[in-house]
Amino acid sequence: MLIEEVQILPALYGSVLIPPAVLRELTQRQTPESVRRWIADRPDWLSVRAPLSPLLDFPTTLGAGECEAIRLAEEVRPEVLLIDDGVGRREALRRRLVIQGTLGLLGLAARHGLTNLGPAITRLRGTNFRVSEELVERLLDEDAGRTKS
């Protein structure tokens, strides 16, 4: 989609499950057109499923997408919950879920030979994604050390 790396998701995980609130976020008018087009013709490896349990015990600072994703992960217990929102990550960890963010996902994909990390990070920097530059540099340094070996 935005950084042209969506193929790493099925390569690493086989399938991805998202809740309806995340689907709604991906189809909003302010969502980039390339993302809206992609989600309108979503691939077979991407499924939508609503959580069965109510969303009553979440911090009020969490958005609907994060709440539904965390609840769904609690119910399904996937290998990993993909989440970037800081409050959402803290809540998921508090609930003992295994989490992975975009940077970690890109690093994992690079270690498996599924992406070239430098160009992927460059494309990520061109979006509204915000992360500590120190964290990005650490990931790039680790990748450079790995690729030199």
Protein backbone atom coordinates (compact mmCIF):
# COMPACT_ATOMS: atom_id res chain seq x y z
CA MET A 1 0.00 0.00 0.00
CA LEU A 2 1.62 3.26 1.09
CA ILE A 3 5.16 1.95 1.38
CA GLU A 4 4.72 -0.93 -1.07
CA GLU A 5 5.56 -3.60 1.51
CA VAL A 6 2.17 -5.23 2.14
CA GLN A 7 3.40 -8.52 0.63
CA ILE A 8 5.48 -9.14 3.75
CA LEU A 9 2.33 -9.76 5.83
CA PRO A 10 1.23 -13.00 4.15
CA ALA A 11 4.87 -14.03 3.69
CA LEU A 12 5.50 -13.79 7.44
CA TYR A 13 2.10 -14.71 8.87
CA GLY A 14 0.11 -16.49 6.16
CA SER A 15 -3.08 -14.65 7.01
CA VAL A 16 -4.09 -11.45 8.77
CA LEU A 17 -7.28 -10.81 10.72
CA ILE A 18 -8.62 -7.30 11.29
CA PRO A 19 -11.70 -6.08 13.15
CA PRO A 20 -14.47 -4.02 11.48
CA ALA A 21 -13.28 -0.77 13.10
CA VAL A 22 -9.89 -1.13 11.40
CA LEU A 23 -11.63 -1.83 8.10
CA ARG A 24 -13.66 1.37 8.57
CA GLU A 25 -10.48 3.35 9.28
CA LEU A 26 -8.95 2.03 6.06
CA THR A 27 -11.95 3.14 4.00
CA GLN A 28 -12.39 6.68 5.38
CA ARG A 29 -12.17 9.60 2.99
CA GLN A 30 -9.02 10.94 4.68
CA THR A 31 -7.27 7.59 4.19
CA PRO A 32 -4.87 7.73 1.21
CA GLU A 33 -6.55 6.68 -2.02
CA SER A 34 -4.06 3.86 -2.68
CA VAL A 35 -5.00 2.30 0.68
CA ARG A 36 -8.73 2.67 0.01
CA ARG A 37 -8.35 1.04 -3.41
CA TRP A 38 -6.32 -1.81 -1.92
CA ILE A 39 -8.78 -2.51 0.90
CA ALA A 40 -11.74 -2.33 -1.51
CA ASP A 41 -10.21 -5.29 -3.36
CA ARG A 42 -8.62 -6.93 -0.33
CA PRO A 43 -6.63 -10.11 -0.83
CA ASP A 44 -7.75 -13.55 0.31
CA TRP A 45 -5.18 -13.59 3.12
CA LEU A 46 -6.90 -10.63 4.84
CA SER A 47 -10.08 -11.41 6.81
CA VAL A 48 -12.43 -9.22 8.82
CA ARG A 49 -13.94 -10.50 12.05
CA ALA A 50 -15.69 -8.70 14.87
CA PRO A 51 -14.73 -9.47 18.45
CA LEU A 52 -17.39 -11.41 20.33
CA SER A 53 -16.90 -9.78 23.73
CA PRO A 54 -17.93 -6.22 24.61
CA LEU A 55 -15.37 -3.42 24.67
CA LEU A 56 -16.19 -2.14 28.15
CA ASP A 57 -12.83 -2.31 29.92
CA PHE A 58 -10.59 -0.18 27.71
CA PRO A 59 -9.00 3.21 28.41
CA THR A 60 -11.08 6.04 26.96
CA THR A 61 -7.97 7.31 25.14
CA LEU A 62 -7.97 4.28 22.84
CA GLY A 63 -9.65 4.45 19.46
CA ALA A 64 -12.22 1.93 18.27
CA GLY A 65 -9.72 0.22 15.96
CA GLU A 66 -7.23 -0.39 18.76
CA CYS A 67 -9.94 -1.57 21.18
CA GLU A 68 -11.41 -4.02 18.69
CA ALA A 69 -7.98 -5.27 17.59
CA ILE A 70 -6.88 -5.90 21.17
CA ARG A 71 -10.15 -7.62 22.09
CA LEU A 72 -10.01 -9.77 18.95
CA ALA A 73 -6.40 -10.72 19.76
CA GLU A 74 -7.49 -11.70 23.27
CA GLU A 75 -10.14 -13.98 21.79
CA VAL A 76 -8.15 -15.47 18.91
CA ARG A 77 -4.65 -15.44 20.48
CA PRO A 78 -2.73 -14.89 17.24
CA GLU A 79 1.02 -15.24 16.95
CA VAL A 80 1.30 -11.45 17.17
CA LEU A 81 -0.86 -8.31 17.31
CA LEU A 82 0.29 -5.71 14.80
CA ILE A 83 -0.17 -2.33 16.48
CA ASP A 84 1.66 1.02 16.40
CA ASP A 85 -0.45 3.30 18.61
CA GLY A 86 1.49 3.93 21.84
CA VAL A 87 -1.49 3.73 24.19
CA GLY A 88 -2.72 0.65 22.35
CA ARG A 89 0.67 -1.03 22.60
CA ARG A 90 0.83 -0.40 26.35
CA GLU A 91 -2.71 -1.77 26.79
CA ALA A 92 -1.93 -4.86 24.70
CA LEU A 93 1.22 -5.53 26.73
CA ARG A 94 -0.72 -5.03 29.96
CA ARG A 95 -3.06 -7.76 28.69
CA ARG A 96 -0.05 -9.99 27.96
CA LEU A 97 -0.42 -9.97 24.18
CA VAL A 98 2.58 -10.34 21.89
CA ILE A 99 2.86 -7.17 19.82
CA GLN A 100 4.76 -5.99 16.77
CA GLY A 101 4.89 -2.51 15.25
CA THR A 102 5.62 -1.40 11.73
CA LEU A 103 9.34 -0.91 12.33
CA GLY A 104 9.71 -4.29 13.97
CA LEU A 105 7.75 -5.88 11.16
CA LEU A 106 10.02 -4.30 8.56
CA GLY A 107 13.10 -5.42 10.50
CA LEU A 108 11.77 -8.98 10.69
CA ALA A 109 10.99 -8.95 6.97
CA ALA A 110 14.52 -7.72 6.21
CA ARG A 111 16.03 -10.52 8.33
CA HIS A 112 13.99 -13.02 6.28
CA GLY A 113 15.10 -11.46 2.99
CA LEU A 114 11.60 -10.18 2.21
CA THR A 115 12.47 -6.50 1.92
CA ASN A 116 15.34 -4.10 1.55
CA LEU A 117 15.12 -2.16 4.81
CA GLY A 118 16.75 1.13 3.72
CA PRO A 119 14.33 1.91 0.88
CA ALA A 120 11.37 0.68 2.96
CA ILE A 121 12.32 3.09 5.77
CA THR A 122 12.74 5.90 3.25
CA ARG A 123 9.21 5.29 1.95
CA LEU A 124 7.90 5.07 5.53
CA ARG A 125 9.47 8.44 6.32
CA GLY A 126 7.45 9.89 3.43
CA THR A 127 4.18 9.05 5.17
CA ASN A 128 2.57 10.45 8.31
CA PHE A 129 4.07 7.60 10.36
CA ARG A 130 5.95 9.02 13.35
CA VAL A 131 8.61 7.22 15.35
CA SER A 132 11.79 8.04 17.21
CA GLU A 133 14.67 8.70 14.82
CA GLU A 134 16.91 6.92 17.33
CA LEU A 135 14.85 3.75 16.96
CA VAL A 136 14.98 3.97 13.15
CA GLU A 137 18.76 4.46 13.19
CA ARG A 138 19.23 1.53 15.57
CA LEU A 139 17.20 -0.72 13.25
CA LEU A 140 19.14 0.45 10.19
CA ASP A 141 22.46 -0.11 12.01
CA GLU A 142 21.42 -3.65 12.99
CA ASP A 143 20.40 -4.33 9.40
CA ALA A 144 23.69 -2.95 8.05
CA GLY A 145 25.61 -5.17 10.46
CA ARG A 146 23.59 -8.20 9.42
CA THR A 147 23.96 -7.58 5.68
CA LYS A 148 27.75 -7.08 5.98
CA SER A 149 28.17 -10.51 7.57
